Amino acid sequence: GAGGLIRAYGGTARLALRVGPNKVLIPMSTIRVSTAASNAGCIYQSIQKHGGTASGEEYNDKGDIGVTLVVETQFLNQLKADINDATKGNAVFLSEEG
């Protein structure tokens, strides 16, 4: 039965867990934000404050900047709030993953 299987393989499982590689997985979220190019510094300061990364910077013909931001999921809501505060509500969050 189940008890016999646990006794038979429990030691092997414990050994594998003890000596095997450990990997910590941290949930991450990706978001695309668009705002006036004059707010670019605010975006980069906010993402840096939360330990995230920025990539895919693009400018459109209206003078807006679009940037893809990646941050730990636990910091996403605060990041968005900080960006909204820093841009005085002039940031648009286009997509979100994670």
N, C-alpha and C. Protein backbone atom coordinates (compact mmCIF):
# COMPACT_ATOMS: atom_id res chain seq x y z
N GLY A 1 0.81 -1.18 0.00
CA GLY A 1 0.00 0.00 0.00
C GLY A 1 0.85 1.25 0.00
N ALA A 2 0.18 2.36 0.24
CA ALA A 2 0.86 3.66 0.20
C ALA A 2 1.95 3.75 1.27
N GLY A 3 1.68 3.24 2.47
CA GLY A 3 2.68 3.27 3.53
C GLY A 3 3.95 2.54 3.15
N GLY A 4 3.79 1.38 2.49
CA GLY A 4 4.95 0.61 2.05
C GLY A 4 5.77 1.36 1.01
N LEU A 5 5.08 2.05 0.09
CA LEU A 5 5.79 2.84 -0.93
C LEU A 5 6.55 4.00 -0.30
N ILE A 6 5.93 4.63 0.68
CA ILE A 6 6.61 5.74 1.36
C ILE A 6 7.86 5.23 2.06
N ARG A 7 7.74 4.10 2.76
CA ARG A 7 8.92 3.54 3.45
C ARG A 7 9.97 3.11 2.43
N ALA A 8 9.55 2.54 1.33
CA ALA A 8 10.50 2.03 0.35
C ALA A 8 11.25 3.15 -0.39
N TYR A 9 10.54 4.22 -0.72
CA TYR A 9 11.16 5.27 -1.55
C TYR A 9 11.40 6.58 -0.81
N GLY A 10 10.95 6.71 0.42
CA GLY A 10 11.11 7.95 1.17
C GLY A 10 12.55 8.37 1.35
N GLY A 11 13.41 7.43 1.69
CA GLY A 11 14.83 7.74 1.88
C GLY A 11 15.48 8.22 0.60
N THR A 12 15.14 7.59 -0.51
CA THR A 12 15.70 7.99 -1.81
C THR A 12 15.24 9.39 -2.18
N ALA A 13 13.96 9.68 -1.96
CA ALA A 13 13.43 11.01 -2.26
C ALA A 13 14.11 12.07 -1.39
N ARG A 14 14.29 11.78 -0.10
CA ARG A 14 14.97 12.72 0.79
C ARG A 14 16.40 13.00 0.32
N LEU A 15 17.10 11.94 -0.07
CA LEU A 15 18.47 12.10 -0.54
C LEU A 15 18.52 12.95 -1.82
N ALA A 16 17.61 12.68 -2.73
CA ALA A 16 17.58 13.45 -3.98
C ALA A 16 17.31 14.93 -3.71
N LEU A 17 16.42 15.22 -2.79
CA LEU A 17 16.12 16.60 -2.45
C LEU A 17 17.28 17.28 -1.74
N ARG A 18 18.00 16.51 -0.93
CA ARG A 18 19.11 17.07 -0.19
C ARG A 18 20.30 17.40 -1.09
N VAL A 19 20.63 16.52 -2.03
CA VAL A 19 21.84 16.71 -2.84
C VAL A 19 21.57 17.31 -4.21
N GLY A 20 20.33 17.32 -4.62
CA GLY A 20 19.99 17.86 -5.94
C GLY A 20 20.07 19.38 -5.97
N PRO A 21 20.14 19.95 -7.16
CA PRO A 21 20.20 21.41 -7.28
C PRO A 21 18.89 22.04 -6.84
N ASN A 22 19.02 23.19 -6.19
CA ASN A 22 17.85 23.95 -5.77
C ASN A 22 17.73 25.17 -6.66
N LYS A 23 16.53 25.50 -7.04
CA LYS A 23 16.30 26.65 -7.88
C LYS A 23 15.08 27.39 -7.34
N VAL A 24 15.27 28.66 -7.05
CA VAL A 24 14.18 29.48 -6.56
C VAL A 24 13.54 30.18 -7.76
N LEU A 25 12.27 30.00 -7.93
CA LEU A 25 11.54 30.63 -9.02
C LEU A 25 10.78 31.84 -8.47
N ILE A 26 11.02 32.98 -9.06
CA ILE A 26 10.37 34.21 -8.62
C ILE A 26 9.37 34.63 -9.70
N PRO A 27 8.09 34.73 -9.34
CA PRO A 27 7.09 35.14 -10.33
C PRO A 27 7.39 36.56 -10.83
N MET A 28 7.39 36.70 -12.14
CA MET A 28 7.67 37.98 -12.78
C MET A 28 6.47 38.42 -13.61
N SER A 29 6.32 39.72 -13.77
CA SER A 29 5.27 40.29 -14.60
C SER A 29 5.89 41.22 -15.62
N THR A 30 5.29 41.25 -16.81
CA THR A 30 5.73 42.12 -17.89
C THR A 30 4.58 43.06 -18.23
N ILE A 31 4.91 44.32 -18.38
CA ILE A 31 3.89 45.32 -18.71
C ILE A 31 4.48 46.30 -19.71
N ARG A 32 3.65 46.75 -20.62
CA ARG A 32 4.06 47.76 -21.60
C ARG A 32 3.41 49.08 -21.18
N VAL A 33 4.21 50.12 -21.11
CA VAL A 33 3.70 51.43 -20.70
C VAL A 33 4.02 52.46 -21.78
N SER A 34 3.08 53.38 -21.97
CA SER A 34 3.26 54.46 -22.93
C SER A 34 2.98 55.78 -22.23
N THR A 35 3.83 56.77 -22.49
CA THR A 35 3.66 58.09 -21.89
C THR A 35 4.44 59.09 -22.75
N ALA A 36 4.29 60.37 -22.44
CA ALA A 36 5.06 61.39 -23.14
C ALA A 36 6.55 61.15 -22.93
N ALA A 37 7.33 61.41 -23.96
CA ALA A 37 8.77 61.18 -23.87
C ALA A 37 9.40 61.98 -22.73
N SER A 38 8.80 63.09 -22.37
CA SER A 38 9.34 63.89 -21.27
C SER A 38 9.24 63.15 -19.93
N ASN A 39 8.44 62.09 -19.88
CA ASN A 39 8.31 61.28 -18.66
C ASN A 39 9.24 60.07 -18.64
N ALA A 40 10.10 59.94 -19.63
CA ALA A 40 10.97 58.76 -19.73
C ALA A 40 11.79 58.56 -18.45
N GLY A 41 12.34 59.63 -17.91
CA GLY A 41 13.14 59.52 -16.70
C GLY A 41 12.34 58.96 -15.53
N CYS A 42 11.08 59.34 -15.44
CA CYS A 42 10.20 58.83 -14.38
C CYS A 42 10.02 57.32 -14.50
N ILE A 43 9.85 56.86 -15.72
CA ILE A 43 9.65 55.43 -15.97
C ILE A 43 10.90 54.65 -15.53
N TYR A 44 12.06 55.12 -15.98
CA TYR A 44 13.30 54.41 -15.67
C TYR A 44 13.64 54.47 -14.19
N GLN A 45 13.36 55.57 -13.53
CA GLN A 45 13.59 55.65 -12.09
C GLN A 45 12.67 54.70 -11.33
N SER A 46 11.42 54.62 -11.77
CA SER A 46 10.45 53.75 -11.08
C SER A 46 10.82 52.28 -11.23
N ILE A 47 11.20 51.86 -12.43
CA ILE A 47 11.52 50.45 -12.63
C ILE A 47 12.80 50.09 -11.89
N GLN A 48 13.75 51.02 -11.86
CA GLN A 48 14.99 50.76 -11.12
C GLN A 48 14.71 50.64 -9.62
N LYS A 49 13.84 51.48 -9.10
CA LYS A 49 13.48 51.46 -7.68
C LYS A 49 12.93 50.10 -7.27
N HIS A 50 12.22 49.44 -8.18
CA HIS A 50 11.60 48.15 -7.88
C HIS A 50 12.41 46.95 -8.38
N GLY A 51 13.65 47.20 -8.81
CA GLY A 51 14.56 46.11 -9.18
C GLY A 51 14.20 45.43 -10.49
N GLY A 52 13.47 46.11 -11.35
CA GLY A 52 13.06 45.52 -12.62
C GLY A 52 13.95 45.95 -13.77
N THR A 53 13.52 45.59 -14.97
CA THR A 53 14.27 45.94 -16.17
C THR A 53 13.34 46.60 -17.18
N ALA A 54 13.93 47.41 -18.04
CA ALA A 54 13.20 48.08 -19.11
C ALA A 54 13.84 47.70 -20.44
N SER A 55 13.01 47.51 -21.46
CA SER A 55 13.53 47.18 -22.80
C SER A 55 12.49 47.58 -23.84
N GLY A 56 12.87 47.45 -25.09
CA GLY A 56 11.94 47.68 -26.19
C GLY A 56 11.47 49.11 -26.30
N GLU A 57 12.34 50.05 -26.00
CA GLU A 57 11.98 51.46 -26.06
C GLU A 57 11.65 51.88 -27.49
N GLU A 58 10.49 52.49 -27.66
CA GLU A 58 10.07 52.97 -28.98
C GLU A 58 9.42 54.33 -28.83
N TYR A 59 9.62 55.19 -29.82
CA TYR A 59 8.99 56.50 -29.85
C TYR A 59 8.03 56.55 -31.03
N ASN A 60 6.88 57.22 -30.85
CA ASN A 60 5.96 57.37 -31.97
C ASN A 60 6.01 58.81 -32.48
N ASP A 61 5.23 59.08 -33.53
CA ASP A 61 5.27 60.40 -34.17
C ASP A 61 4.63 61.50 -33.30
N LYS A 62 3.95 61.13 -32.23
CA LYS A 62 3.36 62.11 -31.31
C LYS A 62 4.33 62.51 -30.21
N GLY A 63 5.49 61.89 -30.19
CA GLY A 63 6.47 62.19 -29.15
C GLY A 63 6.28 61.37 -27.89
N ASP A 64 5.54 60.27 -28.00
CA ASP A 64 5.35 59.38 -26.85
C ASP A 64 6.40 58.28 -26.87
N ILE A 65 6.71 57.78 -25.69
CA ILE A 65 7.63 56.66 -25.56
C ILE A 65 6.84 55.44 -25.09
N GLY A 66 7.18 54.29 -25.63
CA GLY A 66 6.64 53.02 -25.18
C GLY A 66 7.79 52.17 -24.68
N VAL A 67 7.62 51.56 -23.52
CA VAL A 67 8.69 50.76 -22.91
C VAL A 67 8.07 49.51 -22.31
N THR A 68 8.76 48.38 -22.46
CA THR A 68 8.35 47.14 -21.82
C THR A 68 9.11 47.01 -20.51
N LEU A 69 8.36 46.79 -19.44
CA LEU A 69 8.94 46.69 -18.10
C LEU A 69 8.72 45.28 -17.55
N VAL A 70 9.74 44.74 -16.90
CA VAL A 70 9.65 43.43 -16.25
C VAL A 70 10.03 43.62 -14.79
N VAL A 71 9.15 43.15 -13.90
CA VAL A 71 9.35 43.33 -12.47
C VAL A 71 8.78 42.12 -11.74
N GLU A 72 9.29 41.87 -10.53
CA GLU A 72 8.70 40.81 -9.72
C GLU A 72 7.22 41.12 -9.53
N THR A 73 6.39 40.10 -9.69
CA THR A 73 4.94 40.27 -9.62
C THR A 73 4.51 40.96 -8.32
N GLN A 74 5.19 40.67 -7.23
CA GLN A 74 4.81 41.28 -5.95
C GLN A 74 4.96 42.80 -5.95
N PHE A 75 5.76 43.35 -6.87
CA PHE A 75 5.99 44.79 -6.93
C PHE A 75 5.19 45.48 -8.04
N LEU A 76 4.44 44.73 -8.83
CA LEU A 76 3.78 45.30 -10.01
C LEU A 76 2.80 46.41 -9.66
N ASN A 77 1.91 46.19 -8.72
CA ASN A 77 0.92 47.22 -8.39
C ASN A 77 1.58 48.49 -7.87
N GLN A 78 2.61 48.34 -7.05
CA GLN A 78 3.30 49.53 -6.54
C GLN A 78 4.05 50.25 -7.66
N LEU A 79 4.63 49.48 -8.59
CA LEU A 79 5.31 50.08 -9.75
C LEU A 79 4.33 50.93 -10.55
N LYS A 80 3.16 50.36 -10.83
CA LYS A 80 2.15 51.10 -11.60
C LYS A 80 1.71 52.36 -10.85
N ALA A 81 1.53 52.25 -9.56
CA ALA A 81 1.14 53.42 -8.76
C ALA A 81 2.23 54.49 -8.78
N ASP A 82 3.48 54.07 -8.67
CA ASP A 82 4.60 55.02 -8.71
C ASP A 82 4.68 55.72 -10.06
N ILE A 83 4.48 54.97 -11.13
CA ILE A 83 4.52 55.56 -12.47
C ILE A 83 3.36 56.54 -12.64
N ASN A 84 2.18 56.16 -12.19
CA ASN A 84 1.03 57.08 -12.27
C ASN A 84 1.30 58.36 -11.50
N ASP A 85 1.86 58.23 -10.31
CA ASP A 85 2.18 59.42 -9.50
C ASP A 85 3.23 60.28 -10.20
N ALA A 86 4.29 59.64 -10.66
CA ALA A 86 5.41 60.38 -11.25
C ALA A 86 5.03 61.08 -12.56
N THR A 87 4.09 60.49 -13.31
CA THR A 87 3.67 61.07 -14.59
C THR A 87 2.39 61.88 -14.44
N LYS A 88 1.93 62.04 -13.21
CA LYS A 88 0.68 62.76 -12.92
C LYS A 88 -0.50 62.16 -13.69
N GLY A 89 -0.51 60.82 -13.76
CA GLY A 89 -1.60 60.11 -14.42
C GLY A 89 -1.52 60.06 -15.93
N ASN A 90 -0.39 60.45 -16.49
CA ASN A 90 -0.26 60.50 -17.95
C ASN A 90 0.44 59.28 -18.53
N ALA A 91 0.34 58.16 -17.87
CA ALA A 91 0.90 56.90 -18.39
C ALA A 91 -0.25 55.97 -18.73
N VAL A 92 -0.09 55.24 -19.82
CA VAL A 92 -1.08 54.25 -20.23
C VAL A 92 -0.41 52.90 -20.18
N PHE A 93 -1.02 51.95 -19.46
CA PHE A 93 -0.50 50.60 -19.38
C PHE A 93 -1.19 49.78 -20.45
N LEU A 94 -0.43 49.34 -21.44
CA LEU A 94 -0.99 48.75 -22.65
C LEU A 94 -1.25 47.26 -22.54
N SER A 95 -0.38 46.53 -21.88
CA SER A 95 -0.57 45.08 -21.78
C SER A 95 0.13 44.58 -20.54
N GLU A 96 -0.31 43.43 -20.09
CA GLU A 96 0.25 42.87 -18.87
C GLU A 96 0.31 41.36 -19.01
N GLU A 97 1.43 40.79 -18.60
CA GLU A 97 1.62 39.34 -18.58
C GLU A 97 2.24 38.96 -17.25
N GLY A 98 1.87 37.77 -16.82
CA GLY A 98 2.53 37.27 -15.62
C GLY A 98 1.63 37.15 -14.44
